Amino acid sequence: MIVGYNHAQITVPPGNADKVREFYGQFLGLPELPVPPALQGLGLIWFKVGDRELHVGVEEGVNRLATRAHVAYEVDEIAELRRRMVAGGFELFEQPKIQGFERFHINDPFGNRVEFIGRV
């Protein structure tokens, strides 16, 4: 029986570890986690997201812009994050309103769709 949600994994093209750490670690402020020894050497970078994890792996030949698949991050100050994204040069894709929430999407530097959602 499923008892919870452990992590999400996204992929980026090989050779982007510094950009991954810059965007997810520095810009979004996610703390990096150590990758277990059994998985080291696979190009994985893990981050803490609340009580869950984001795993970033490498994968070639993926058209990330051709899918609507995404991870949705709940944020506590969505207006401030919206301002930071615009100032950072990200194009915001407004989404239909859901009662009680404000939300928008961006494409990360690798083309992965990312949703930010905040309670209002």
PDB file of N, CA and C in Angstrom:
ATOM      1  N   MET A   1       0.838  -1.184   0.000  1.00  0.00           N
ATOM      2  CA  MET A   1       0.000   0.000   0.000  1.00  0.00           C
ATOM      3  C   MET A   1       0.877   1.239   0.000  1.00  0.00           C
ATOM      4  N   ILE A   2       0.516   2.222  -0.776  1.00  0.00           N
ATOM      5  CA  ILE A   2       1.271   3.479  -0.820  1.00  0.00           C
ATOM      6  C   ILE A   2       0.965   4.276   0.439  1.00  0.00           C
ATOM      7  N   VAL A   3       2.032   4.750   1.092  1.00  0.00           N
ATOM      8  CA  VAL A   3       1.853   5.503   2.332  1.00  0.00           C
ATOM      9  C   VAL A   3       2.314   6.947   2.222  1.00  0.00           C
ATOM     10  N   GLY A   4       2.915   7.319   1.105  1.00  0.00           N
ATOM     11  CA  GLY A   4       3.381   8.695   0.976  1.00  0.00           C
ATOM     12  C   GLY A   4       4.133   8.919  -0.315  1.00  0.00           C
ATOM     13  N   TYR A   5       4.653  10.093  -0.429  1.00  0.00           N
ATOM     14  CA  TYR A   5       5.403  10.530  -1.588  1.00  0.00           C
ATOM     15  C   TYR A   5       6.821  10.805  -1.119  1.00  0.00           C
ATOM     16  N   ASN A   6       7.799  10.143  -1.720  1.00  0.00           N
ATOM     17  CA  ASN A   6       9.175  10.249  -1.263  1.00  0.00           C
ATOM     18  C   ASN A   6       9.976  11.304  -2.012  1.00  0.00           C
ATOM     19  N   HIS A   7       9.988  11.237  -3.346  1.00  0.00           N
ATOM     20  CA  HIS A   7      10.779  12.187  -4.129  1.00  0.00           C
ATOM     21  C   HIS A   7      10.255  12.273  -5.556  1.00  0.00           C
ATOM     22  N   ALA A   8      10.711  13.298  -6.246  1.00  0.00           N
ATOM     23  CA  ALA A   8      10.479  13.434  -7.680  1.00  0.00           C
ATOM     24  C   ALA A   8      11.842  13.495  -8.345  1.00  0.00           C
ATOM     25  N   GLN A   9      11.920  12.986  -9.577  1.00  0.00           N
ATOM     26  CA  GLN A   9      13.165  13.099 -10.328  1.00  0.00           C
ATOM     27  C   GLN A   9      12.897  13.805 -11.644  1.00  0.00           C
ATOM     28  N   ILE A  10      13.770  14.738 -11.957  1.00  0.00           N
ATOM     29  CA  ILE A  10      13.772  15.382 -13.259  1.00  0.00           C
ATOM     30  C   ILE A  10      15.124  15.081 -13.892  1.00  0.00           C
ATOM     31  N   THR A  11      15.243  15.374 -15.187  1.00  0.00           N
ATOM     32  CA  THR A  11      16.526  15.164 -15.839  1.00  0.00           C
ATOM     33  C   THR A  11      16.965  16.426 -16.566  1.00  0.00           C
ATOM     34  N   VAL A  12      18.267  16.510 -16.761  1.00  0.00           N
ATOM     35  CA  VAL A  12      18.900  17.609 -17.490  1.00  0.00           C
ATOM     36  C   VAL A  12      19.918  16.996 -18.441  1.00  0.00           C
ATOM     37  N   PRO A  13      20.303  17.725 -19.476  1.00  0.00           N
ATOM     38  CA  PRO A  13      21.347  17.204 -20.352  1.00  0.00           C
ATOM     39  C   PRO A  13      22.676  17.042 -19.594  1.00  0.00           C
ATOM     40  N   PRO A  14      23.499  16.099 -19.986  1.00  0.00           N
ATOM     41  CA  PRO A  14      24.810  15.921 -19.337  1.00  0.00           C
ATOM     42  C   PRO A  14      25.637  17.208 -19.377  1.00  0.00           C
ATOM     43  N   GLY A  15      26.509  17.355 -18.390  1.00  0.00           N
ATOM     44  CA  GLY A  15      27.418  18.496 -18.356  1.00  0.00           C
ATOM     45  C   GLY A  15      26.837  19.759 -17.750  1.00  0.00           C
ATOM     46  N   ASN A  16      25.739  19.652 -17.004  1.00  0.00           N
ATOM     47  CA  ASN A  16      25.075  20.834 -16.454  1.00  0.00           C
ATOM     48  C   ASN A  16      25.049  20.892 -14.928  1.00  0.00           C
ATOM     49  N   ALA A  17      25.927  20.173 -14.261  1.00  0.00           N
ATOM     50  CA  ALA A  17      25.903  20.133 -12.795  1.00  0.00           C
ATOM     51  C   ALA A  17      26.012  21.528 -12.180  1.00  0.00           C
ATOM     52  N   ASP A  18      26.901  22.369 -12.710  1.00  0.00           N
ATOM     53  CA  ASP A  18      27.048  23.719 -12.150  1.00  0.00           C
ATOM     54  C   ASP A  18      25.775  24.530 -12.314  1.00  0.00           C
ATOM     55  N   LYS A  19      25.126  24.432 -13.475  1.00  0.00           N
ATOM     56  CA  LYS A  19      23.870  25.163 -13.713  1.00  0.00           C
ATOM     57  C   LYS A  19      22.748  24.630 -12.829  1.00  0.00           C
ATOM     58  N   VAL A  20      22.721  23.311 -12.607  1.00  0.00           N
ATOM     59  CA  VAL A  20      21.714  22.719 -11.714  1.00  0.00           C
ATOM     60  C   VAL A  20      21.868  23.302 -10.317  1.00  0.00           C
ATOM     61  N   ARG A  21      23.094  23.317  -9.820  1.00  0.00           N
ATOM     62  CA  ARG A  21      23.333  23.856  -8.474  1.00  0.00           C
ATOM     63  C   ARG A  21      23.032  25.355  -8.410  1.00  0.00           C
ATOM     64  N   GLU A  22      23.329  26.072  -9.488  1.00  0.00           N
ATOM     65  CA  GLU A  22      23.047  27.509  -9.519  1.00  0.00           C
ATOM     66  C   GLU A  22      21.545  27.777  -9.467  1.00  0.00           C
ATOM     67  N   PHE A  23      20.754  27.071 -10.300  1.00  0.00           N
ATOM     68  CA  PHE A  23      19.317  27.330 -10.341  1.00  0.00           C
ATOM     69  C   PHE A  23      18.590  26.747  -9.127  1.00  0.00           C
ATOM     70  N   TYR A  24      18.716  25.452  -8.913  1.00  0.00           N
ATOM     71  CA  TYR A  24      17.950  24.810  -7.838  1.00  0.00           C
ATOM     72  C   TYR A  24      18.530  25.096  -6.452  1.00  0.00           C
ATOM     73  N   GLY A  25      19.851  25.151  -6.353  1.00  0.00           N
ATOM     74  CA  GLY A  25      20.476  25.412  -5.060  1.00  0.00           C
ATOM     75  C   GLY A  25      20.517  26.880  -4.692  1.00  0.00           C
ATOM     76  N   GLN A  26      21.134  27.700  -5.557  1.00  0.00           N
ATOM     77  CA  GLN A  26      21.310  29.113  -5.220  1.00  0.00           C
ATOM     78  C   GLN A  26      20.062  29.945  -5.493  1.00  0.00           C
ATOM     79  N   PHE A  27      19.523  29.882  -6.711  1.00  0.00           N
ATOM     80  CA  PHE A  27      18.386  30.744  -7.068  1.00  0.00           C
ATOM     81  C   PHE A  27      17.121  30.363  -6.298  1.00  0.00           C
ATOM     82  N   LEU A  28      16.788  29.054  -6.279  1.00  0.00           N
ATOM     83  CA  LEU A  28      15.582  28.626  -5.551  1.00  0.00           C
ATOM     84  C   LEU A  28      15.840  28.372  -4.071  1.00  0.00           C
ATOM     85  N   GLY A  29      17.101  28.239  -3.688  1.00  0.00           N
ATOM     86  CA  GLY A  29      17.436  28.081  -2.272  1.00  0.00           C
ATOM     87  C   GLY A  29      17.214  26.695  -1.706  1.00  0.00           C
ATOM     88  N   LEU A  30      17.221  25.664  -2.553  1.00  0.00           N
ATOM     89  CA  LEU A  30      17.044  24.302  -2.048  1.00  0.00           C
ATOM     90  C   LEU A  30      18.375  23.768  -1.530  1.00  0.00           C
ATOM     91  N   PRO A  31      18.387  23.222  -0.314  1.00  0.00           N
ATOM     92  CA  PRO A  31      19.626  22.653   0.214  1.00  0.00           C
ATOM     93  C   PRO A  31      19.985  21.358  -0.522  1.00  0.00           C
ATOM     94  N   GLU A  32      21.259  21.218  -0.876  1.00  0.00           N
ATOM     95  CA  GLU A  32      21.714  20.007  -1.548  1.00  0.00           C
ATOM     96  C   GLU A  32      21.919  18.895  -0.528  1.00  0.00           C
ATOM     97  N   LEU A  33      21.559  17.691  -0.921  1.00  0.00           N
ATOM     98  CA  LEU A  33      21.719  16.500  -0.087  1.00  0.00           C
ATOM     99  C   LEU A  33      22.835  15.619  -0.647  1.00  0.00           C
ATOM    100  N   PRO A  34      23.503  14.874   0.205  1.00  0.00           N
ATOM    101  CA  PRO A  34      24.492  13.936  -0.325  1.00  0.00           C
ATOM    102  C   PRO A  34      23.793  12.783  -1.048  1.00  0.00           C
ATOM    103  N   VAL A  35      24.373  12.362  -2.143  1.00  0.00           N
ATOM    104  CA  VAL A  35      23.871  11.198  -2.880  1.00  0.00           C
ATOM    105  C   VAL A  35      24.463   9.961  -2.211  1.00  0.00           C
ATOM    106  N   PRO A  36      23.660   8.931  -1.947  1.00  0.00           N
ATOM    107  CA  PRO A  36      24.190   7.732  -1.297  1.00  0.00           C
ATOM    108  C   PRO A  36      25.368   7.137  -2.082  1.00  0.00           C
ATOM    109  N   PRO A  37      26.341   6.569  -1.377  1.00  0.00           N
ATOM    110  CA  PRO A  37      27.522   6.012  -2.037  1.00  0.00           C
ATOM    111  C   PRO A  37      27.195   5.051  -3.187  1.00  0.00           C
ATOM    112  N   ALA A  38      26.155   4.254  -3.056  1.00  0.00           N
ATOM    113  CA  ALA A  38      25.809   3.274  -4.097  1.00  0.00           C
ATOM    114  C   ALA A  38      25.372   3.951  -5.396  1.00  0.00           C
ATOM    115  N   LEU A  39      24.975   5.246  -5.336  1.00  0.00           N
ATOM    116  CA  LEU A  39      24.492   5.959  -6.516  1.00  0.00           C
ATOM    117  C   LEU A  39      25.465   7.029  -7.007  1.00  0.00           C
ATOM    118  N   GLN A  40      26.587   7.186  -6.316  1.00  0.00           N
ATOM    119  CA  GLN A  40      27.561   8.183  -6.747  1.00  0.00           C
ATOM    120  C   GLN A  40      28.164   7.755  -8.074  1.00  0.00           C
ATOM    121  N   GLY A  41      28.532   8.728  -8.874  1.00  0.00           N
ATOM    122  CA  GLY A  41      29.102   8.450 -10.178  1.00  0.00           C
ATOM    123  C   GLY A  41      28.070   8.358 -11.287  1.00  0.00           C
ATOM    124  N   LEU A  42      26.783   8.534 -10.948  1.00  0.00           N
ATOM    125  CA  LEU A  42      25.710   8.475 -11.948  1.00  0.00           C
ATOM    126  C   LEU A  42      25.282   9.866 -12.412  1.00  0.00           C
ATOM    127  N   GLY A  43      25.953  10.898 -11.914  1.00  0.00           N
ATOM    128  CA  GLY A  43      25.607  12.259 -12.310  1.00  0.00           C
ATOM    129  C   GLY A  43      24.392  12.813 -11.594  1.00  0.00           C
ATOM    130  N   LEU A  44      24.021  12.236 -10.460  1.00  0.00           N
ATOM    131  CA  LEU A  44      22.839  12.676  -9.714  1.00  0.00           C
ATOM    132  C   LEU A  44      23.167  13.828  -8.775  1.00  0.00           C
ATOM    133  N   ILE A  45      22.227  14.744  -8.632  1.00  0.00           N
ATOM    134  CA  ILE A  45      22.303  15.810  -7.636  1.00  0.00           C
ATOM    135  C   ILE A  45      20.953  15.810  -6.923  1.00  0.00           C
ATOM    136  N   TRP A  46      20.977  15.740  -5.618  1.00  0.00           N
ATOM    137  CA  TRP A  46      19.739  15.679  -4.837  1.00  0.00           C
ATOM    138  C   TRP A  46      19.581  16.956  -4.011  1.00  0.00           C
ATOM    139  N   PHE A  47      18.310  17.375  -3.868  1.00  0.00           N
ATOM    140  CA  PHE A  47      17.980  18.555  -3.068  1.00  0.00           C
ATOM    141  C   PHE A  47      16.857  18.222  -2.096  1.00  0.00           C
ATOM    142  N   LYS A  48      16.821  18.939  -0.994  1.00  0.00           N
ATOM    143  CA  LYS A  48      15.749  18.838  -0.007  1.00  0.00           C
ATOM    144  C   LYS A  48      14.664  19.839  -0.365  1.00  0.00           C
ATOM    145  N   VAL A  49      13.408  19.378  -0.371  1.00  0.00           N
ATOM    146  CA  VAL A  49      12.255  20.242  -0.640  1.00  0.00           C
ATOM    147  C   VAL A  49      11.249  19.960   0.471  1.00  0.00           C
ATOM    148  N   GLY A  50      11.249  20.799   1.509  1.00  0.00           N
ATOM    149  CA  GLY A  50      10.389  20.517   2.656  1.00  0.00           C
ATOM    150  C   GLY A  50      10.785  19.193   3.263  1.00  0.00           C
ATOM    151  N   ASP A  51       9.814  18.275   3.389  1.00  0.00           N
ATOM    152  CA  ASP A  51      10.138  16.949   3.924  1.00  0.00           C
ATOM    153  C   ASP A  51      10.285  15.909   2.813  1.00  0.00           C
ATOM    154  N   ARG A  52      10.486  16.379   1.580  1.00  0.00           N
ATOM    155  CA  ARG A  52      10.663  15.499   0.420  1.00  0.00           C
ATOM    156  C   ARG A  52      11.978  15.807  -0.270  1.00  0.00           C
ATOM    157  N   GLU A  53      12.216  15.153  -1.404  1.00  0.00           N
ATOM    158  CA  GLU A  53      13.456  15.363  -2.135  1.00  0.00           C
ATOM    159  C   GLU A  53      13.194  15.552  -3.621  1.00  0.00           C
ATOM    160  N   LEU A  54      14.092  16.300  -4.258  1.00  0.00           N
ATOM    161  CA  LEU A  54      14.142  16.429  -5.701  1.00  0.00           C
ATOM    162  C   LEU A  54      15.444  15.786  -6.147  1.00  0.00           C
ATOM    163  N   HIS A  55      15.351  14.814  -7.041  1.00  0.00           N
ATOM    164  CA  HIS A  55      16.530  14.159  -7.595  1.00  0.00           C
ATOM    165  C   HIS A  55      16.700  14.641  -9.026  1.00  0.00           C
ATOM    166  N   VAL A  56      17.882  15.129  -9.356  1.00  0.00           N
ATOM    167  CA  VAL A  56      18.179  15.596 -10.706  1.00  0.00           C
ATOM    168  C   VAL A  56      19.181  14.626 -11.314  1.00  0.00           C
ATOM    169  N   GLY A  57      18.775  14.007 -12.421  1.00  0.00           N
ATOM    170  CA  GLY A  57      19.635  13.072 -13.125  1.00  0.00           C
ATOM    171  C   GLY A  57      19.989  13.614 -14.495  1.00  0.00           C
ATOM    172  N   VAL A  58      20.802  12.868 -15.210  1.00  0.00           N
ATOM    173  CA  VAL A  58      21.185  13.280 -16.563  1.00  0.00           C
ATOM    174  C   VAL A  58      20.553  12.338 -17.577  1.00  0.00           C
ATOM    175  N   GLU A  59      20.159  12.938 -18.698  1.00  0.00           N
ATOM    176  CA  GLU A  59      19.523  12.169 -19.763  1.00  0.00           C
ATOM    177  C   GLU A  59      19.672  12.949 -21.061  1.00  0.00           C
ATOM    178  N   GLU A  60      20.153  12.277 -22.075  1.00  0.00           N
ATOM    179  CA  GLU A  60      20.330  12.912 -23.388  1.00  0.00           C
ATOM    180  C   GLU A  60      19.111  12.665 -24.271  1.00  0.00           C
ATOM    181  N   GLY A  61      18.941  13.546 -25.255  1.00  0.00           N
ATOM    182  CA  GLY A  61      17.942  13.333 -26.287  1.00  0.00           C
ATOM    183  C   GLY A  61      16.502  13.528 -25.870  1.00  0.00           C
ATOM    184  N   VAL A  62      16.252  14.276 -24.805  1.00  0.00           N
ATOM    185  CA  VAL A  62      14.889  14.512 -24.336  1.00  0.00           C
ATOM    186  C   VAL A  62      14.460  15.917 -24.745  1.00  0.00           C
ATOM    187  N   ASN A  63      13.307  16.028 -25.400  1.00  0.00           N
ATOM    188  CA  ASN A  63      12.749  17.341 -25.715  1.00  0.00           C
ATOM    189  C   ASN A  63      11.852  17.754 -24.559  1.00  0.00           C
ATOM    190  N   ARG A  64      12.433  18.393 -23.581  1.00  0.00           N
ATOM    191  CA  ARG A  64      11.712  18.763 -22.368  1.00  0.00           C
ATOM    192  C   ARG A  64      10.614  19.785 -22.629  1.00  0.00           C
ATOM    193  N   LEU A  65      10.734  20.553 -23.711  1.00  0.00           N
ATOM    194  CA  LEU A  65       9.724  21.560 -24.037  1.00  0.00           C
ATOM    195  C   LEU A  65       8.480  20.949 -24.681  1.00  0.00           C
ATOM    196  N   ALA A  66       8.529  19.652 -25.008  1.00  0.00           N
ATOM    197  CA  ALA A  66       7.404  19.004 -25.695  1.00  0.00           C
ATOM    198  C   ALA A  66       6.443  18.340 -24.722  1.00  0.00           C
ATOM    199  N   THR A  67       6.646  18.532 -23.426  1.00  0.00           N
ATOM    200  CA  THR A  67       5.786  17.873 -22.452  1.00  0.00           C
ATOM    201  C   THR A  67       5.258  18.878 -21.432  1.00  0.00           C
ATOM    202  N   ARG A  68       4.128  18.548 -20.860  1.00  0.00           N
ATOM    203  CA  ARG A  68       3.574  19.361 -19.777  1.00  0.00           C
ATOM    204  C   ARG A  68       3.882  18.747 -18.409  1.00  0.00           C
ATOM    205  N   ALA A  69       4.639  17.658 -18.406  1.00  0.00           N
ATOM    206  CA  ALA A  69       5.031  17.031 -17.136  1.00  0.00           C
ATOM    207  C   ALA A  69       5.796  18.064 -16.300  1.00  0.00           C
ATOM    208  N   HIS A  70       5.542  18.079 -15.007  1.00  0.00           N
ATOM    209  CA  HIS A  70       6.195  19.060 -14.155  1.00  0.00           C
ATOM    210  C   HIS A  70       6.129  18.666 -12.688  1.00  0.00           C
ATOM    211  N   VAL A  71       6.943  19.346 -11.903  1.00  0.00           N
ATOM    212  CA  VAL A  71       6.885  19.290 -10.447  1.00  0.00           C
ATOM    213  C   VAL A  71       6.279  20.614 -10.007  1.00  0.00           C
ATOM    214  N   ALA A  72       5.355  20.577  -9.051  1.00  0.00           N
ATOM    215  CA  ALA A  72       4.748  21.791  -8.510  1.00  0.00           C
ATOM    216  C   ALA A  72       5.283  22.017  -7.102  1.00  0.00           C
ATOM    217  N   TYR A  73       5.918  23.154  -6.912  1.00  0.00           N
ATOM    218  CA  TYR A  73       6.472  23.512  -5.605  1.00  0.00           C
ATOM    219  C   TYR A  73       5.523  24.458  -4.907  1.00  0.00           C
ATOM    220  N   GLU A  74       5.112  24.118  -3.689  1.00  0.00           N
ATOM    221  CA  GLU A  74       4.287  25.031  -2.906  1.00  0.00           C
ATOM    222  C   GLU A  74       5.205  26.029  -2.226  1.00  0.00           C
ATOM    223  N   VAL A  75       4.858  27.306  -2.343  1.00  0.00           N
ATOM    224  CA  VAL A  75       5.690  28.370  -1.780  1.00  0.00           C
ATOM    225  C   VAL A  75       4.865  29.213  -0.826  1.00  0.00           C
ATOM    226  N   ASP A  76       5.553  29.880   0.113  1.00  0.00           N
ATOM    227  CA  ASP A  76       4.823  30.681   1.093  1.00  0.00           C
ATOM    228  C   ASP A  76       4.698  32.148   0.693  1.00  0.00           C
ATOM    229  N   GLU A  77       5.522  32.636  -0.208  1.00  0.00           N
ATOM    230  CA  GLU A  77       5.438  34.023  -0.652  1.00  0.00           C
ATOM    231  C   GLU A  77       5.480  34.054  -2.172  1.00  0.00           C
ATOM    232  N   ILE A  78       4.369  33.696  -2.785  1.00  0.00           N
ATOM    233  CA  ILE A  78       4.356  33.541  -4.242  1.00  0.00           C
ATOM    234  C   ILE A  78       4.553  34.869  -4.965  1.00  0.00           C
ATOM    235  N   ALA A  79       4.054  35.976  -4.409  1.00  0.00           N
ATOM    236  CA  ALA A  79       4.244  37.277  -5.066  1.00  0.00           C
ATOM    237  C   ALA A  79       5.732  37.626  -5.125  1.00  0.00           C
ATOM    238  N   GLU A  80       6.456  37.369  -4.056  1.00  0.00           N
ATOM    239  CA  GLU A  80       7.895  37.641  -4.037  1.00  0.00           C
ATOM    240  C   GLU A  80       8.634  36.731  -5.012  1.00  0.00           C
ATOM    241  N   LEU A  81       8.259  35.463  -5.063  1.00  0.00           N
ATOM    242  CA  LEU A  81       8.900  34.549  -6.009  1.00  0.00           C
ATOM    243  C   LEU A  81       8.610  34.969  -7.447  1.00  0.00           C
ATOM    244  N   ARG A  82       7.404  35.406  -7.702  1.00  0.00           N
ATOM    245  CA  ARG A  82       7.032  35.892  -9.037  1.00  0.00           C
ATOM    246  C   ARG A  82       7.967  37.052  -9.435  1.00  0.00           C
ATOM    247  N   ARG A  83       8.187  38.000  -8.526  1.00  0.00           N
ATOM    248  CA  ARG A  83       9.080  39.128  -8.810  1.00  0.00           C
ATOM    249  C   ARG A  83      10.508  38.643  -9.082  1.00  0.00           C
ATOM    250  N   ARG A  84      10.978  37.688  -8.291  1.00  0.00           N
ATOM    251  CA  ARG A  84      12.340  37.160  -8.483  1.00  0.00           C
ATOM    252  C   ARG A  84      12.480  36.463  -9.823  1.00  0.00           C
ATOM    253  N   MET A  85      11.460  35.724 -10.227  1.00  0.00           N
ATOM    254  CA  MET A  85      11.515  35.022 -11.510  1.00  0.00           C
ATOM    255  C   MET A  85      11.576  36.015 -12.672  1.00  0.00           C
ATOM    256  N   VAL A  86      10.747  37.037 -12.620  1.00  0.00           N
ATOM    257  CA  VAL A  86      10.747  38.056 -13.675  1.00  0.00           C
ATOM    258  C   VAL A  86      12.105  38.757 -13.699  1.00  0.00           C
ATOM    259  N   ALA A  87      12.611  39.153 -12.511  1.00  0.00           N
ATOM    260  CA  ALA A  87      13.916  39.819 -12.437  1.00  0.00           C
ATOM    261  C   ALA A  87      15.030  38.904 -12.937  1.00  0.00           C
ATOM    262  N   GLY A  88      14.860  37.589 -12.757  1.00  0.00           N
ATOM    263  CA  GLY A  88      15.856  36.624 -13.214  1.00  0.00           C
ATOM    264  C   GLY A  88      15.751  36.305 -14.696  1.00  0.00           C
ATOM    265  N   GLY A  89      14.781  36.920 -15.373  1.00  0.00           N
ATOM    266  CA  GLY A  89      14.649  36.738 -16.815  1.00  0.00           C
ATOM    267  C   GLY A  89      13.822  35.539 -17.245  1.00  0.00           C
ATOM    268  N   PHE A  90      13.086  34.943 -16.323  1.00  0.00           N
ATOM    269  CA  PHE A  90      12.262  33.785 -16.670  1.00  0.00           C
ATOM    270  C   PHE A  90      10.913  34.233 -17.215  1.00  0.00           C
ATOM    271  N   GLU A  91      10.455  33.566 -18.257  1.00  0.00           N
ATOM    272  CA  GLU A  91       9.123  33.807 -18.799  1.00  0.00           C
ATOM    273  C   GLU A  91       8.113  33.066 -17.928  1.00  0.00           C
ATOM    274  N   LEU A  92       7.096  33.780 -17.449  1.00  0.00           N
ATOM    275  CA  LEU A  92       6.058  33.171 -16.624  1.00  0.00           C
ATOM    276  C   LEU A  92       4.886  32.766 -17.493  1.00  0.00           C
ATOM    277  N   PHE A  93       4.391  31.568 -17.266  1.00  0.00           N
ATOM    278  CA  PHE A  93       3.211  31.071 -17.959  1.00  0.00           C
ATOM    279  C   PHE A  93       2.088  31.009 -16.928  1.00  0.00           C
ATOM    280  N   GLU A  94       1.153  31.949 -17.045  1.00  0.00           N
ATOM    281  CA  GLU A  94       0.044  31.994 -16.096  1.00  0.00           C
ATOM    282  C   GLU A  94      -0.826  30.763 -16.293  1.00  0.00           C
ATOM    283  N   GLN A  95      -1.412  30.298 -15.204  1.00  0.00           N
ATOM    284  CA  GLN A  95      -2.233  29.099 -15.217  1.00  0.00           C
ATOM    285  C   GLN A  95      -3.646  29.438 -14.760  1.00  0.00           C
ATOM    286  N   PRO A  96      -4.626  28.637 -15.166  1.00  0.00           N
ATOM    287  CA  PRO A  96      -6.000  28.878 -14.703  1.00  0.00           C
ATOM    288  C   PRO A  96      -6.057  28.903 -13.175  1.00  0.00           C
ATOM    289  N   LYS A  97      -6.895  29.761 -12.672  1.00  0.00           N
ATOM    290  CA  LYS A  97      -7.034  29.910 -11.223  1.00  0.00           C
ATOM    291  C   LYS A  97      -7.649  28.659 -10.604  1.00  0.00           C
ATOM    292  N   ILE A  98      -7.139  28.286  -9.458  1.00  0.00           N
ATOM    293  CA  ILE A  98      -7.703  27.233  -8.617  1.00  0.00           C
ATOM    294  C   ILE A  98      -8.094  27.928  -7.320  1.00  0.00           C
ATOM    295  N   GLN A  99      -9.312  27.718  -6.867  1.00  0.00           N
ATOM    296  CA  GLN A  99      -9.784  28.408  -5.668  1.00  0.00           C
ATOM    297  C   GLN A  99      -8.807  28.212  -4.518  1.00  0.00           C
ATOM    298  N   GLY A 100      -8.404  29.339  -3.925  1.00  0.00           N
ATOM    299  CA  GLY A 100      -7.513  29.313  -2.774  1.00  0.00           C
ATOM    300  C   GLY A 100      -6.033  29.318  -3.115  1.00  0.00           C
ATOM    301  N   PHE A 101      -5.699  29.320  -4.424  1.00  0.00           N
ATOM    302  CA  PHE A 101      -4.299  29.266  -4.823  1.00  0.00           C
ATOM    303  C   PHE A 101      -3.990  30.272  -5.918  1.00  0.00           C
ATOM    304  N   GLU A 102      -2.772  30.773  -5.919  1.00  0.00           N
ATOM    305  CA  GLU A 102      -2.211  31.502  -7.042  1.00  0.00           C
ATOM    306  C   GLU A 102      -1.088  30.618  -7.558  1.00  0.00           C
ATOM    307  N   ARG A 103      -0.899  30.600  -8.901  1.00  0.00           N
ATOM    308  CA  ARG A 103       0.137  29.732  -9.445  1.00  0.00           C
ATOM    309  C   ARG A 103       0.600  30.213 -10.808  1.00  0.00           C
ATOM    310  N   PHE A 104       1.812  29.793 -11.156  1.00  0.00           N
ATOM    311  CA  PHE A 104       2.364  30.048 -12.480  1.00  0.00           C
ATOM    312  C   PHE A 104       3.403  28.983 -12.787  1.00  0.00           C
ATOM    313  N   HIS A 105       3.735  28.853 -14.068  1.00  0.00           N
ATOM    314  CA  HIS A 105       4.761  27.919 -14.525  1.00  0.00           C
ATOM    315  C   HIS A 105       5.921  28.709 -15.122  1.00  0.00           C
ATOM    316  N   ILE A 106       7.095  28.085 -15.115  1.00  0.00           N
ATOM    317  CA  ILE A 106       8.253  28.552 -15.879  1.00  0.00           C
ATOM    318  C   ILE A 106       8.879  27.312 -16.519  1.00  0.00           C
ATOM    319  N   ASN A 107       9.828  27.529 -17.397  1.00  0.00           N
ATOM    320  CA  ASN A 107      10.717  26.460 -17.830  1.00  0.00           C
ATOM    321  C   ASN A 107      12.048  26.716 -17.155  1.00  0.00           C
ATOM    322  N   ASP A 108      12.594  25.684 -16.490  1.00  0.00           N
ATOM    323  CA  ASP A 108      13.897  25.857 -15.857  1.00  0.00           C
ATOM    324  C   ASP A 108      14.961  26.037 -16.941  1.00  0.00           C
ATOM    325  N   PRO A 109      16.209  26.305 -16.577  1.00  0.00           N
ATOM    326  CA  PRO A 109      17.240  26.534 -17.593  1.00  0.00           C
ATOM    327  C   PRO A 109      17.466  25.360 -18.546  1.00  0.00           C
ATOM    328  N   PHE A 110      16.878  24.214 -18.263  1.00  0.00           N
ATOM    329  CA  PHE A 110      17.070  23.013 -19.077  1.00  0.00           C
ATOM    330  C   PHE A 110      15.819  22.647 -19.872  1.00  0.00           C
ATOM    331  N   GLY A 111      14.754  23.460 -19.726  1.00  0.00           N
ATOM    332  CA  GLY A 111      13.511  23.220 -20.450  1.00  0.00           C
ATOM    333  C   GLY A 111      12.473  22.444 -19.676  1.00  0.00           C
ATOM    334  N   ASN A 112      12.776  22.017 -18.445  1.00  0.00           N
ATOM    335  CA  ASN A 112      11.779  21.323 -17.624  1.00  0.00           C
ATOM    336  C   ASN A 112      10.724  22.317 -17.170  1.00  0.00           C
ATOM    337  N   ARG A 113       9.456  21.930 -17.279  1.00  0.00           N
ATOM    338  CA  ARG A 113       8.359  22.772 -16.786  1.00  0.00           C
ATOM    339  C   ARG A 113       8.347  22.692 -15.259  1.00  0.00           C
ATOM    340  N   VAL A 114       8.188  23.853 -14.621  1.00  0.00           N
ATOM    341  CA  VAL A 114       8.164  23.942 -13.165  1.00  0.00           C
ATOM    342  C   VAL A 114       6.956  24.786 -12.776  1.00  0.00           C
ATOM    343  N   GLU A 115       6.159  24.300 -11.826  1.00  0.00           N
ATOM    344  CA  GLU A 115       5.020  25.076 -11.312  1.00  0.00           C
ATOM    345  C   GLU A 115       5.327  25.553  -9.915  1.00  0.00           C
ATOM    346  N   PHE A 116       4.916  26.789  -9.630  1.00  0.00           N
ATOM    347  CA  PHE A 116       4.971  27.346  -8.283  1.00  0.00           C
ATOM    348  C   PHE A 116       3.547  27.673  -7.896  1.00  0.00           C
ATOM    349  N   ILE A 117       3.146  27.238  -6.712  1.00  0.00           N
ATOM    350  CA  ILE A 117       1.763  27.408  -6.272  1.00  0.00           C
ATOM    351  C   ILE A 117       1.783  27.887  -4.822  1.00  0.00           C
ATOM    352  N   GLY A 118       0.939  28.891  -4.545  1.00  0.00           N
ATOM    353  CA  GLY A 118       0.875  29.447  -3.189  1.00  0.00           C
ATOM    354  C   GLY A 118      -0.560  29.635  -2.761  1.00  0.00           C
ATOM    355  N   ARG A 119      -0.788  29.409  -1.492  1.00  0.00           N
ATOM    356  CA  ARG A 119      -2.135  29.607  -0.929  1.00  0.00           C
ATOM    357  C   ARG A 119      -2.414  31.088  -0.772  1.00  0.00           C
ATOM    358  N   VAL A 120      -3.640  31.478  -1.099  1.00  0.00           N
ATOM    359  CA  VAL A 120      -4.032  32.883  -0.932  1.00  0.00           C
ATOM    360  C   VAL A 120      -5.262  32.982  -0.057  1.00  0.00           C
TER     361      VAL A 120
END
